[in-house]
PDB file of N, CA and C in Angstrom:
ATOM      1  N   UNK A   1     113.334 105.707 110.887  1.00  0.00           N
ATOM      2  CA  UNK A   1     114.443 104.825 110.606  1.00  0.00           C
ATOM      3  C   UNK A   1     115.517 105.658 109.898  1.00  0.00           C
ATOM      4  N   UNK A   2     116.743 105.508 110.337  1.00  0.00           N
ATOM      5  CA  UNK A   2     117.870 106.240 109.771  1.00  0.00           C
ATOM      6  C   UNK A   2     118.589 105.404 108.724  1.00  0.00           C
ATOM      7  N   UNK A   3     119.094 106.082 107.669  1.00  0.00           N
ATOM      8  CA  UNK A   3     119.915 105.419 106.673  1.00  0.00           C
ATOM      9  C   UNK A   3     121.201 106.220 106.492  1.00  0.00           C
ATOM     10  N   UNK A   4     122.222 105.536 105.989  1.00  0.00           N
ATOM     11  CA  UNK A   4     123.484 106.171 105.627  1.00  0.00           C
ATOM     12  C   UNK A   4     123.659 106.068 104.128  1.00  0.00           C
ATOM     13  N   UNK A   5     124.136 107.159 103.532  1.00  0.00           N
ATOM     14  CA  UNK A   5     124.452 107.194 102.114  1.00  0.00           C
ATOM     15  C   UNK A   5     125.935 107.526 102.034  1.00  0.00           C
ATOM     16  N   UNK A   6     126.742 106.564 101.596  1.00  0.00           N
ATOM     17  CA  UNK A   6     128.183 106.742 101.566  1.00  0.00           C
ATOM     18  C   UNK A   6     128.646 107.045 100.152  1.00  0.00           C
ATOM     19  N   UNK A   7     129.374 108.162 100.018  1.00  0.00           N
ATOM     20  CA  UNK A   7     129.986 108.582  98.757  1.00  0.00           C
ATOM     21  C   UNK A   7     131.471 108.747  99.054  1.00  0.00           C
ATOM     22  N   UNK A   8     132.279 107.807  98.593  1.00  0.00           N
ATOM     23  CA  UNK A   8     133.709 107.859  98.897  1.00  0.00           C
ATOM     24  C   UNK A   8     133.928 107.819 100.399  1.00  0.00           C
ATOM     25  N   UNK A   9     134.628 108.830 100.927  1.00  0.00           N
ATOM     26  CA  UNK A   9     134.912 108.891 102.361  1.00  0.00           C
ATOM     27  C   UNK A   9     133.855 109.674 103.132  1.00  0.00           C
ATOM     28  N   UNK A  10     132.819 110.148 102.452  1.00  0.00           N
ATOM     29  CA  UNK A  10     131.785 110.972 103.080  1.00  0.00           C
ATOM     30  C   UNK A  10     130.516 110.158 103.289  1.00  0.00           C
ATOM     31  N   UNK A  11     129.903 110.321 104.451  1.00  0.00           N
ATOM     32  CA  UNK A  11     128.636 109.651 104.734  1.00  0.00           C
ATOM     33  C   UNK A  11     127.570 110.684 105.045  1.00  0.00           C
ATOM     34  N   UNK A  12     126.484 110.626 104.277  1.00  0.00           N
ATOM     35  CA  UNK A  12     125.311 111.440 104.561  1.00  0.00           C
ATOM     36  C   UNK A  12     124.379 110.612 105.441  1.00  0.00           C
ATOM     37  N   UNK A  13     123.571 111.287 106.216  1.00  0.00           N
ATOM     38  CA  UNK A  13     122.561 110.635 107.039  1.00  0.00           C
ATOM     39  C   UNK A  13     121.197 111.127 106.578  1.00  0.00           C
ATOM     40  N   UNK A  14     120.229 110.225 106.552  1.00  0.00           N
ATOM     41  CA  UNK A  14     118.864 110.584 106.170  1.00  0.00           C
ATOM     42  C   UNK A  14     117.878 109.819 107.040  1.00  0.00           C
ATOM     43  N   UNK A  15     116.680 110.351 107.134  1.00  0.00           N
ATOM     44  CA  UNK A  15     115.592 109.713 107.861  1.00  0.00           C
ATOM     45  C   UNK A  15     114.551 109.257 106.848  1.00  0.00           C
ATOM     46  N   UNK A  16     114.239 107.961 106.873  1.00  0.00           N
ATOM     47  CA  UNK A  16     113.213 107.425 105.979  1.00  0.00           C
ATOM     48  C   UNK A  16     111.839 107.915 106.401  1.00  0.00           C
ATOM     49  N   UNK A  17     110.993 108.215 105.417  1.00  0.00           N
ATOM     50  CA  UNK A  17     109.608 108.573 105.689  1.00  0.00           C
ATOM     51  C   UNK A  17     108.846 107.317 106.112  1.00  0.00           C
ATOM     52  N   UNK A  18     107.697 107.528 106.718  1.00  0.00           N
ATOM     53  CA  UNK A  18     106.849 106.412 107.129  1.00  0.00           C
ATOM     54  C   UNK A  18     105.761 106.231 106.078  1.00  0.00           C
ATOM     55  N   UNK A  19     106.129 105.599 104.969  1.00  0.00           N
ATOM     56  CA  UNK A  19     105.155 105.316 103.922  1.00  0.00           C
ATOM     57  C   UNK A  19     105.527 103.988 103.258  1.00  0.00           C
ATOM     58  N   UNK A  20     104.595 103.364 102.535  1.00  0.00           N
ATOM     59  CA  UNK A  20     104.869 102.051 101.937  1.00  0.00           C
ATOM     60  C   UNK A  20     106.064 102.050 100.980  1.00  0.00           C
ATOM     61  N   UNK A  21     106.267 103.136 100.245  1.00  0.00           N
ATOM     62  CA  UNK A  21     107.378 103.200  99.296  1.00  0.00           C
ATOM     63  C   UNK A  21     108.709 103.192 100.035  1.00  0.00           C
ATOM     64  N   UNK A  22     108.814 103.978 101.096  1.00  0.00           N
ATOM     65  CA  UNK A  22     110.048 104.035 101.883  1.00  0.00           C
ATOM     66  C   UNK A  22     110.333 102.688 102.554  1.00  0.00           C
ATOM     67  N   UNK A  23     109.299 102.046 103.074  1.00  0.00           N
ATOM     68  CA  UNK A  23     109.499 100.736 103.703  1.00  0.00           C
ATOM     69  C   UNK A  23     109.954  99.702 102.677  1.00  0.00           C
ATOM     70  N   UNK A  24     109.407  99.772 101.470  1.00  0.00           N
ATOM     71  CA  UNK A  24     109.800  98.865 100.398  1.00  0.00           C
ATOM     72  C   UNK A  24     111.262  99.117 100.002  1.00  0.00           C
ATOM     73  N   UNK A  25     111.667 100.393  99.951  1.00  0.00           N
ATOM     74  CA  UNK A  25     113.060 100.729  99.641  1.00  0.00           C
ATOM     75  C   UNK A  25     113.983 100.180 100.735  1.00  0.00           C
ATOM     76  N   UNK A  26     113.597 100.328 101.992  1.00  0.00           N
ATOM     77  CA  UNK A  26     114.412  99.835 103.109  1.00  0.00           C
ATOM     78  C   UNK A  26     114.657  98.336 102.988  1.00  0.00           C
ATOM     79  N   UNK A  27     113.688  97.603 102.448  1.00  0.00           N
ATOM     80  CA  UNK A  27     113.832  96.151 102.287  1.00  0.00           C
ATOM     81  C   UNK A  27     114.914  95.795 101.268  1.00  0.00           C
ATOM     82  N   UNK A  28     115.287  96.727 100.393  1.00  0.00           N
ATOM     83  CA  UNK A  28     116.342  96.485  99.399  1.00  0.00           C
ATOM     84  C   UNK A  28     117.751  96.721  99.952  1.00  0.00           C
ATOM     85  N   UNK A  29     117.834  97.397 101.092  1.00  0.00           N
ATOM     86  CA  UNK A  29     119.142  97.822 101.616  1.00  0.00           C
ATOM     87  C   UNK A  29     119.922  96.678 102.232  1.00  0.00           C
ATOM     88  N   UNK A  30     121.239  96.694 102.100  1.00  0.00           N
ATOM     89  CA  UNK A  30     122.060  97.725 101.454  1.00  0.00           C
ATOM     90  C   UNK A  30     122.017  97.601  99.935  1.00  0.00           C
ATOM     91  N   UNK A  31     122.193  98.755  99.278  1.00  0.00           N
ATOM     92  CA  UNK A  31     122.214  98.789  97.817  1.00  0.00           C
ATOM     93  C   UNK A  31     123.278  99.786  97.355  1.00  0.00           C
ATOM     94  N   UNK A  32     123.975  99.431  96.290  1.00  0.00           N
ATOM     95  CA  UNK A  32     124.946 100.332  95.672  1.00  0.00           C
ATOM     96  C   UNK A  32     124.327 100.893  94.401  1.00  0.00           C
ATOM     97  N   UNK A  33     124.490 102.203  94.202  1.00  0.00           N
ATOM     98  CA  UNK A  33     123.906 102.893  93.065  1.00  0.00           C
ATOM     99  C   UNK A  33     124.944 103.800  92.414  1.00  0.00           C
ATOM    100  N   UNK A  34     124.831 103.978  91.123  1.00  0.00           N
ATOM    101  CA  UNK A  34     125.608 104.992  90.420  1.00  0.00           C
ATOM    102  C   UNK A  34     124.669 106.157  90.169  1.00  0.00           C
ATOM    103  N   UNK A  35     125.060 107.331  90.647  1.00  0.00           N
ATOM    104  CA  UNK A  35     124.248 108.529  90.458  1.00  0.00           C
ATOM    105  C   UNK A  35     124.853 109.388  89.369  1.00  0.00           C
ATOM    106  N   UNK A  36     123.983 110.015  88.583  1.00  0.00           N
ATOM    107  CA  UNK A  36     124.425 110.960  87.562  1.00  0.00           C
ATOM    108  C   UNK A  36     123.633 112.246  87.728  1.00  0.00           C
ATOM    109  N   UNK A  37     124.196 113.332  87.225  1.00  0.00           N
ATOM    110  CA  UNK A  37     123.507 114.620  87.281  1.00  0.00           C
ATOM    111  C   UNK A  37     122.279 114.583  86.382  1.00  0.00           C
ATOM    112  N   UNK A  38     121.187 115.121  86.875  1.00  0.00           N
ATOM    113  CA  UNK A  38     119.963 115.269  86.092  1.00  0.00           C
ATOM    114  C   UNK A  38     119.522 116.712  86.291  1.00  0.00           C
ATOM    115  N   UNK A  39     119.941 117.583  85.398  1.00  0.00           N
ATOM    116  CA  UNK A  39     119.701 119.007  85.578  1.00  0.00           C
ATOM    117  C   UNK A  39     120.494 119.514  86.772  1.00  0.00           C
ATOM    118  N   UNK A  40     120.202 120.715  87.180  1.00  0.00           N
ATOM    119  CA  UNK A  40     120.929 121.316  88.299  1.00  0.00           C
ATOM    120  C   UNK A  40     120.414 120.850  89.656  1.00  0.00           C
ATOM    121  N   UNK A  41     119.199 120.304  89.693  1.00  0.00           N
ATOM    122  CA  UNK A  41     118.552 120.020  90.971  1.00  0.00           C
ATOM    123  C   UNK A  41     118.759 118.620  91.511  1.00  0.00           C
ATOM    124  N   UNK A  42     119.096 117.644  90.647  1.00  0.00           N
ATOM    125  CA  UNK A  42     119.059 116.252  91.089  1.00  0.00           C
ATOM    126  C   UNK A  42     120.292 115.460  90.672  1.00  0.00           C
ATOM    127  N   UNK A  43     120.555 114.430  91.457  1.00  0.00           N
ATOM    128  CA  UNK A  43     121.407 113.313  91.058  1.00  0.00           C
ATOM    129  C   UNK A  43     120.480 112.109  91.081  1.00  0.00           C
ATOM    130  N   UNK A  44     120.489 111.326  90.001  1.00  0.00           N
ATOM    131  CA  UNK A  44     119.557 110.205  89.898  1.00  0.00           C
ATOM    132  C   UNK A  44     120.295 108.900  89.643  1.00  0.00           C
ATOM    133  N   UNK A  45     119.691 107.822  90.108  1.00  0.00           N
ATOM    134  CA  UNK A  45     120.247 106.487  89.900  1.00  0.00           C
ATOM    135  C   UNK A  45     119.663 105.880  88.638  1.00  0.00           C
ATOM    136  N   UNK A  46     120.201 104.740  88.254  1.00  0.00           N
ATOM    137  CA  UNK A  46     119.565 103.914  87.233  1.00  0.00           C
ATOM    138  C   UNK A  46     118.380 103.213  87.868  1.00  0.00           C
ATOM    139  N   UNK A  47     117.699 102.403  87.086  1.00  0.00           N
ATOM    140  CA  UNK A  47     116.512 101.696  87.568  1.00  0.00           C
ATOM    141  C   UNK A  47     116.877 100.710  88.671  1.00  0.00           C
ATOM    142  N   UNK A  48     116.021 100.633  89.679  1.00  0.00           N
ATOM    143  CA  UNK A  48     116.180  99.642  90.745  1.00  0.00           C
ATOM    144  C   UNK A  48     115.893  98.251  90.187  1.00  0.00           C
ATOM    145  N   UNK A  49     116.272  97.240  90.944  1.00  0.00           N
ATOM    146  CA  UNK A  49     116.095  95.857  90.502  1.00  0.00           C
ATOM    147  C   UNK A  49     114.623  95.448  90.397  1.00  0.00           C
ATOM    148  N   UNK A  50     113.760  96.182  91.085  1.00  0.00           N
ATOM    149  CA  UNK A  50     112.325  95.901  91.026  1.00  0.00           C
ATOM    150  C   UNK A  50     111.576  97.187  91.357  1.00  0.00           C
ATOM    151  N   UNK A  51     110.319  97.291  90.941  1.00  0.00           N
ATOM    152  CA  UNK A  51     109.532  98.482  91.293  1.00  0.00           C
ATOM    153  C   UNK A  51     109.220  98.500  92.783  1.00  0.00           C
ATOM    154  N   UNK A  52     109.054  99.700  93.329  1.00  0.00           N
ATOM    155  CA  UNK A  52     108.661  99.866  94.725  1.00  0.00           C
ATOM    156  C   UNK A  52     107.157 100.126  94.801  1.00  0.00           C
ATOM    157  N   UNK A  53     106.593  99.895  95.961  1.00  0.00           N
ATOM    158  CA  UNK A  53     105.171 100.143  96.191  1.00  0.00           C
ATOM    159  C   UNK A  53     104.837 101.611  95.918  1.00  0.00           C
ATOM    160  N   UNK A  54     103.698 101.836  95.296  1.00  0.00           N
ATOM    161  CA  UNK A  54     103.182 103.189  95.086  1.00  0.00           C
ATOM    162  C   UNK A  54     101.905 103.411  95.894  1.00  0.00           C
ATOM    163  N   UNK A  55     101.622 102.498  96.816  1.00  0.00           N
ATOM    164  CA  UNK A  55     100.409 102.564  97.637  1.00  0.00           C
ATOM    165  C   UNK A  55     100.373 103.877  98.420  1.00  0.00           C
ATOM    166  N   UNK A  56      99.271 104.604  98.302  1.00  0.00           N
ATOM    167  CA  UNK A  56      99.074 105.832  99.063  1.00  0.00           C
ATOM    168  C   UNK A  56      99.896 107.014  98.572  1.00  0.00           C
ATOM    169  N   UNK A  57     100.568 106.876  97.438  1.00  0.00           N
ATOM    170  CA  UNK A  57     101.422 107.949  96.929  1.00  0.00           C
ATOM    171  C   UNK A  57     100.589 109.095  96.366  1.00  0.00           C
ATOM    172  N   UNK A  58     101.103 110.331  96.466  1.00  0.00           N
ATOM    173  CA  UNK A  58     100.386 111.456  95.858  1.00  0.00           C
ATOM    174  C   UNK A  58     100.426 111.356  94.332  1.00  0.00           C
ATOM    175  N   UNK A  59      99.465 111.983  93.670  1.00  0.00           N
ATOM    176  CA  UNK A  59      99.436 111.969  92.202  1.00  0.00           C
ATOM    177  C   UNK A  59     100.645 112.696  91.631  1.00  0.00           C
ATOM    178  N   UNK A  60     101.045 113.805  92.254  1.00  0.00           N
ATOM    179  CA  UNK A  60     102.227 114.564  91.842  1.00  0.00           C
ATOM    180  C   UNK A  60     102.934 115.082  93.080  1.00  0.00           C
ATOM    181  N   UNK A  61     104.207 115.379  92.921  1.00  0.00           N
ATOM    182  CA  UNK A  61     104.988 115.981  94.007  1.00  0.00           C
ATOM    183  C   UNK A  61     106.212 116.643  93.398  1.00  0.00           C
ATOM    184  N   UNK A  62     106.820 117.529  94.163  1.00  0.00           N
ATOM    185  CA  UNK A  62     108.057 118.189  93.749  1.00  0.00           C
ATOM    186  C   UNK A  62     109.091 117.965  94.838  1.00  0.00           C
ATOM    187  N   UNK A  63     110.276 117.551  94.459  1.00  0.00           N
ATOM    188  CA  UNK A  63     111.341 117.362  95.437  1.00  0.00           C
ATOM    189  C   UNK A  63     111.877 118.695  95.915  1.00  0.00           C
ATOM    190  N   UNK A  64     112.224 118.758  97.192  1.00  0.00           N
ATOM    191  CA  UNK A  64     112.840 119.941  97.790  1.00  0.00           C
ATOM    192  C   UNK A  64     114.294 119.608  98.117  1.00  0.00           C
ATOM    193  N   UNK A  65     115.090 120.631  98.350  1.00  0.00           N
ATOM    194  CA  UNK A  65     116.490 120.422  98.712  1.00  0.00           C
ATOM    195  C   UNK A  65     116.557 119.474  99.904  1.00  0.00           C
ATOM    196  N   UNK A  66     117.335 118.393  99.760  1.00  0.00           N
ATOM    197  CA  UNK A  66     117.498 117.420 100.832  1.00  0.00           C
ATOM    198  C   UNK A  66     116.563 116.225 100.755  1.00  0.00           C
ATOM    199  N   UNK A  67     115.616 116.259  99.839  1.00  0.00           N
ATOM    200  CA  UNK A  67     114.701 115.124  99.694  1.00  0.00           C
ATOM    201  C   UNK A  67     115.368 113.990  98.916  1.00  0.00           C
ATOM    202  N   UNK A  68     114.954 112.776  99.236  1.00  0.00           N
ATOM    203  CA  UNK A  68     115.284 111.590  98.442  1.00  0.00           C
ATOM    204  C   UNK A  68     113.931 111.035  98.012  1.00  0.00           C
ATOM    205  N   UNK A  69     113.794 110.803  96.706  1.00  0.00           N
ATOM    206  CA  UNK A  69     112.496 110.369  96.184  1.00  0.00           C
ATOM    207  C   UNK A  69     112.656 109.184  95.240  1.00  0.00           C
ATOM    208  N   UNK A  70     111.592 108.419  95.151  1.00  0.00           N
ATOM    209  CA  UNK A  70     111.475 107.361  94.154  1.00  0.00           C
ATOM    210  C   UNK A  70     110.694 107.952  92.994  1.00  0.00           C
ATOM    211  N   UNK A  71     111.211 107.786  91.771  1.00  0.00           N
ATOM    212  CA  UNK A  71     110.495 108.233  90.583  1.00  0.00           C
ATOM    213  C   UNK A  71     109.953 106.981  89.907  1.00  0.00           C
ATOM    214  N   UNK A  72     108.664 106.732  90.122  1.00  0.00           N
ATOM    215  CA  UNK A  72     108.036 105.480  89.700  1.00  0.00           C
ATOM    216  C   UNK A  72     108.143 105.183  88.198  1.00  0.00           C
ATOM    217  N   UNK A  73     107.949 106.167  87.306  1.00  0.00           N
ATOM    218  CA  UNK A  73     108.017 105.823  85.873  1.00  0.00           C
ATOM    219  C   UNK A  73     109.370 105.238  85.436  1.00  0.00           C
ATOM    220  N   UNK A  74     110.453 105.666  86.058  1.00  0.00           N
ATOM    221  CA  UNK A  74     111.791 105.166  85.696  1.00  0.00           C
ATOM    222  C   UNK A  74     112.326 104.159  86.710  1.00  0.00           C
ATOM    223  N   UNK A  75     111.578 103.921  87.811  1.00  0.00           N
ATOM    224  CA  UNK A  75     112.011 103.009  88.890  1.00  0.00           C
ATOM    225  C   UNK A  75     113.375 103.407  89.452  1.00  0.00           C
ATOM    226  N   UNK A  76     113.639 104.712  89.569  1.00  0.00           N
ATOM    227  CA  UNK A  76     114.941 105.137  90.073  1.00  0.00           C
ATOM    228  C   UNK A  76     114.789 106.013  91.313  1.00  0.00           C
ATOM    229  N   UNK A  77     115.933 106.341  91.890  1.00  0.00           N
ATOM    230  CA  UNK A  77     115.985 107.169  93.089  1.00  0.00           C
ATOM    231  C   UNK A  77     116.592 108.512  92.718  1.00  0.00           C
ATOM    232  N   UNK A  78     115.982 109.602  93.205  1.00  0.00           N
ATOM    233  CA  UNK A  78     116.471 110.953  92.965  1.00  0.00           C
ATOM    234  C   UNK A  78     116.904 111.573  94.293  1.00  0.00           C
ATOM    235  N   UNK A  79     118.090 112.162  94.288  1.00  0.00           N
ATOM    236  CA  UNK A  79     118.625 112.890  95.437  1.00  0.00           C
ATOM    237  C   UNK A  79     118.590 114.363  95.061  1.00  0.00           C
ATOM    238  N   UNK A  80     117.813 115.171  95.782  1.00  0.00           N
ATOM    239  CA  UNK A  80     117.616 116.581  95.424  1.00  0.00           C
ATOM    240  C   UNK A  80     118.625 117.478  96.134  1.00  0.00           C
ATOM    241  N   UNK A  81     119.391 118.207  95.307  1.00  0.00           N
ATOM    242  CA  UNK A  81     120.310 119.218  95.825  1.00  0.00           C
ATOM    243  C   UNK A  81     119.779 120.609  95.505  1.00  0.00           C
ATOM    244  N   UNK A  82     118.656 120.657  94.819  1.00  0.00           N
ATOM    245  CA  UNK A  82     117.939 121.888  94.497  1.00  0.00           C
ATOM    246  C   UNK A  82     116.467 121.550  94.377  1.00  0.00           C
ATOM    247  N   UNK A  83     115.596 122.557  94.252  1.00  0.00           N
ATOM    248  CA  UNK A  83     114.164 122.270  94.128  1.00  0.00           C
ATOM    249  C   UNK A  83     113.849 121.647  92.778  1.00  0.00           C
ATOM    250  N   UNK A  84     113.051 120.595  92.793  1.00  0.00           N
ATOM    251  CA  UNK A  84     112.661 119.911  91.571  1.00  0.00           C
ATOM    252  C   UNK A  84     111.291 120.361  91.109  1.00  0.00           C
ATOM    253  N   UNK A  85     110.957 120.068  89.855  1.00  0.00           N
ATOM    254  CA  UNK A  85     109.631 120.434  89.340  1.00  0.00           C
ATOM    255  C   UNK A  85     108.553 119.497  89.875  1.00  0.00           C
ATOM    256  N   UNK A  86     107.342 119.984  89.897  1.00  0.00           N
ATOM    257  CA  UNK A  86     106.208 119.136  90.262  1.00  0.00           C
ATOM    258  C   UNK A  86     106.013 118.122  89.136  1.00  0.00           C
ATOM    259  N   UNK A  87     105.971 116.852  89.481  1.00  0.00           N
ATOM    260  CA  UNK A  87     105.867 115.814  88.459  1.00  0.00           C
ATOM    261  C   UNK A  87     105.064 114.629  88.970  1.00  0.00           C
ATOM    262  N   UNK A  88     104.357 113.974  88.069  1.00  0.00           N
ATOM    263  CA  UNK A  88     103.647 112.740  88.401  1.00  0.00           C
ATOM    264  C   UNK A  88     104.664 111.642  88.636  1.00  0.00           C
ATOM    265  N   UNK A  89     104.439 110.814  89.651  1.00  0.00           N
ATOM    266  CA  UNK A  89     105.302 109.671  89.917  1.00  0.00           C
ATOM    267  C   UNK A  89     106.432 109.922  90.896  1.00  0.00           C
ATOM    268  N   UNK A  90     106.585 111.160  91.391  1.00  0.00           N
ATOM    269  CA  UNK A  90     107.612 111.466  92.396  1.00  0.00           C
ATOM    270  C   UNK A  90     107.043 111.134  93.774  1.00  0.00           C
ATOM    271  N   UNK A  91     107.739 110.255  94.499  1.00  0.00           N
ATOM    272  CA  UNK A  91     107.285 109.836  95.831  1.00  0.00           C
ATOM    273  C   UNK A  91     108.448 110.019  96.798  1.00  0.00           C
ATOM    274  N   UNK A  92     108.314 110.940  97.735  1.00  0.00           N
ATOM    275  CA  UNK A  92     109.391 111.164  98.704  1.00  0.00           C
ATOM    276  C   UNK A  92     109.514 109.956  99.614  1.00  0.00           C
ATOM    277  N   UNK A  93     110.786 109.502  99.808  1.00  0.00           N
ATOM    278  CA  UNK A  93     111.019 108.358 100.684  1.00  0.00           C
ATOM    279  C   UNK A  93     111.911 108.699 101.870  1.00  0.00           C
ATOM    280  N   UNK A  94     112.635 109.829 101.800  1.00  0.00           N
ATOM    281  CA  UNK A  94     113.534 110.174 102.898  1.00  0.00           C
ATOM    282  C   UNK A  94     113.922 111.644 102.829  1.00  0.00           C
ATOM    283  N   UNK A  95     114.520 112.114 103.924  1.00  0.00           N
ATOM    284  CA  UNK A  95     115.016 113.488 104.027  1.00  0.00           C
ATOM    285  C   UNK A  95     116.444 113.433 104.547  1.00  0.00           C
ATOM    286  N   UNK A  96     117.373 114.040 103.810  1.00  0.00           N
ATOM    287  CA  UNK A  96     118.776 114.089 104.231  1.00  0.00           C
ATOM    288  C   UNK A  96     118.893 115.025 105.428  1.00  0.00           C
ATOM    289  N   UNK A  97     119.536 114.546 106.498  1.00  0.00           N
ATOM    290  CA  UNK A  97     119.681 115.339 107.714  1.00  0.00           C
ATOM    291  C   UNK A  97     121.100 115.852 107.919  1.00  0.00           C
ATOM    292  N   UNK A  98     122.083 115.255 107.224  1.00  0.00           N
ATOM    293  CA  UNK A  98     123.460 115.772 107.309  1.00  0.00           C
ATOM    294  C   UNK A  98     124.260 115.302 106.104  1.00  0.00           C
ATOM    295  N   UNK A  99     125.220 116.144 105.708  1.00  0.00           N
ATOM    296  CA  UNK A  99     126.155 115.769 104.660  1.00  0.00           C
ATOM    297  C   UNK A  99     125.708 116.032 103.242  1.00  0.00           C
ATOM    298  N   UNK A 100     124.660 116.833 103.034  1.00  0.00           N
ATOM    299  CA  UNK A 100     124.124 117.053 101.685  1.00  0.00           C
ATOM    300  C   UNK A 100     125.158 117.630 100.720  1.00  0.00           C
ATOM    301  N   UNK A 101     126.164 118.304 101.242  1.00  0.00           N
ATOM    302  CA  UNK A 101     127.186 118.898 100.368  1.00  0.00           C
ATOM    303  C   UNK A 101     127.907 117.844  99.523  1.00  0.00           C
ATOM    304  N   UNK A 102     127.874 116.595  99.929  1.00  0.00           N
ATOM    305  CA  UNK A 102     128.501 115.522  99.141  1.00  0.00           C
ATOM    306  C   UNK A 102     127.843 115.373  97.767  1.00  0.00           C
ATOM    307  N   UNK A 103     126.610 115.840  97.617  1.00  0.00           N
ATOM    308  CA  UNK A 103     125.907 115.756  96.333  1.00  0.00           C
ATOM    309  C   UNK A 103     126.369 116.813  95.336  1.00  0.00           C
ATOM    310  N   UNK A 104     127.192 117.752  95.775  1.00  0.00           N
ATOM    311  CA  UNK A 104     127.639 118.828  94.889  1.00  0.00           C
ATOM    312  C   UNK A 104     128.712 118.386  93.902  1.00  0.00           C
ATOM    313  N   UNK A 105     129.253 117.192  94.059  1.00  0.00           N
ATOM    314  CA  UNK A 105     130.237 116.676  93.103  1.00  0.00           C
ATOM    315  C   UNK A 105     129.598 116.597  91.725  1.00  0.00           C
ATOM    316  N   UNK A 106     130.324 117.030  90.714  1.00  0.00           N
ATOM    317  CA  UNK A 106     129.816 116.964  89.345  1.00  0.00           C
ATOM    318  C   UNK A 106     130.083 115.586  88.757  1.00  0.00           C
ATOM    319  N   UNK A 107     129.210 115.158  87.860  1.00  0.00           N
ATOM    320  CA  UNK A 107     129.396 113.888  87.177  1.00  0.00           C
ATOM    321  C   UNK A 107     128.894 112.708  87.984  1.00  0.00           C
ATOM    322  N   UNK A 108     129.276 111.520  87.533  1.00  0.00           N
ATOM    323  CA  UNK A 108     128.826 110.287  88.182  1.00  0.00           C
ATOM    324  C   UNK A 108     129.535 110.060  89.505  1.00  0.00           C
ATOM    325  N   UNK A 109     128.791 109.532  90.468  1.00  0.00           N
ATOM    326  CA  UNK A 109     129.352 109.128  91.761  1.00  0.00           C
ATOM    327  C   UNK A 109     128.744 107.787  92.154  1.00  0.00           C
ATOM    328  N   UNK A 110     129.513 106.976  92.826  1.00  0.00           N
ATOM    329  CA  UNK A 110     129.034 105.700  93.374  1.00  0.00           C
ATOM    330  C   UNK A 110     128.586 105.949  94.806  1.00  0.00           C
ATOM    331  N   UNK A 111     127.420 105.439  95.156  1.00  0.00           N
ATOM    332  CA  UNK A 111     126.919 105.559  96.527  1.00  0.00           C
ATOM    333  C   UNK A 111     126.492 104.181  97.019  1.00  0.00           C
ATOM    334  N   UNK A 112     126.593 104.012  98.329  1.00  0.00           N
ATOM    335  CA  UNK A 112     126.031 102.835  98.988  1.00  0.00           C
ATOM    336  C   UNK A 112     125.035 103.340 100.014  1.00  0.00           C
ATOM    337  N   UNK A 113     123.826 102.820  99.942  1.00  0.00           N
ATOM    338  CA  UNK A 113     122.773 103.195 100.882  1.00  0.00           C
ATOM    339  C   UNK A 113     122.550 102.002 101.802  1.00  0.00           C
ATOM    340  N   UNK A 114     122.608 102.249 103.117  1.00  0.00           N
ATOM    341  CA  UNK A 114     122.440 101.170 104.085  1.00  0.00           C
ATOM    342  C   UNK A 114     121.655 101.677 105.294  1.00  0.00           C
ATOM    343  N   UNK A 115     121.079 100.737 106.019  1.00  0.00           N
ATOM    344  CA  UNK A 115     120.403 101.083 107.262  1.00  0.00           C
ATOM    345  C   UNK A 115     121.447 101.473 108.301  1.00  0.00           C
ATOM    346  N   UNK A 116     121.168 102.500 109.082  1.00  0.00           N
ATOM    347  CA  UNK A 116     122.061 102.902 110.170  1.00  0.00           C
ATOM    348  C   UNK A 116     121.934 101.875 111.289  1.00  0.00           C
ATOM    349  N   UNK A 117     123.019 101.618 111.975  1.00  0.00           N
ATOM    350  CA  UNK A 117     122.995 100.650 113.087  1.00  0.00           C
ATOM    351  C   UNK A 117     122.351 101.210 114.316  1.00  0.00           C
TER     352      UNK A 117
END
């Protein structure tokens, strides 16, 4: 399943993973999020309106460049523009397939995540 992540006039495209967490995230779409820088590797959202499924999730994982992950302890979404550390509660939900350079903006950005038509 394809999703679009719109930042201003730029749209990134990503492919959702086939796992319970990604399917649960898809059920929330469309959603608007404010992303902020979290270290050099990530832009992260605030907490989602509800927790997502953690069924079948790995005990730990590390985000790679282009990954979109749910961080269960904070109930937020992380967009990786660099490699992230291995951490408990990181669950990959999607992979950015185009437009990742839009994440290079410094500071807060507003994004809208929606299902592709």
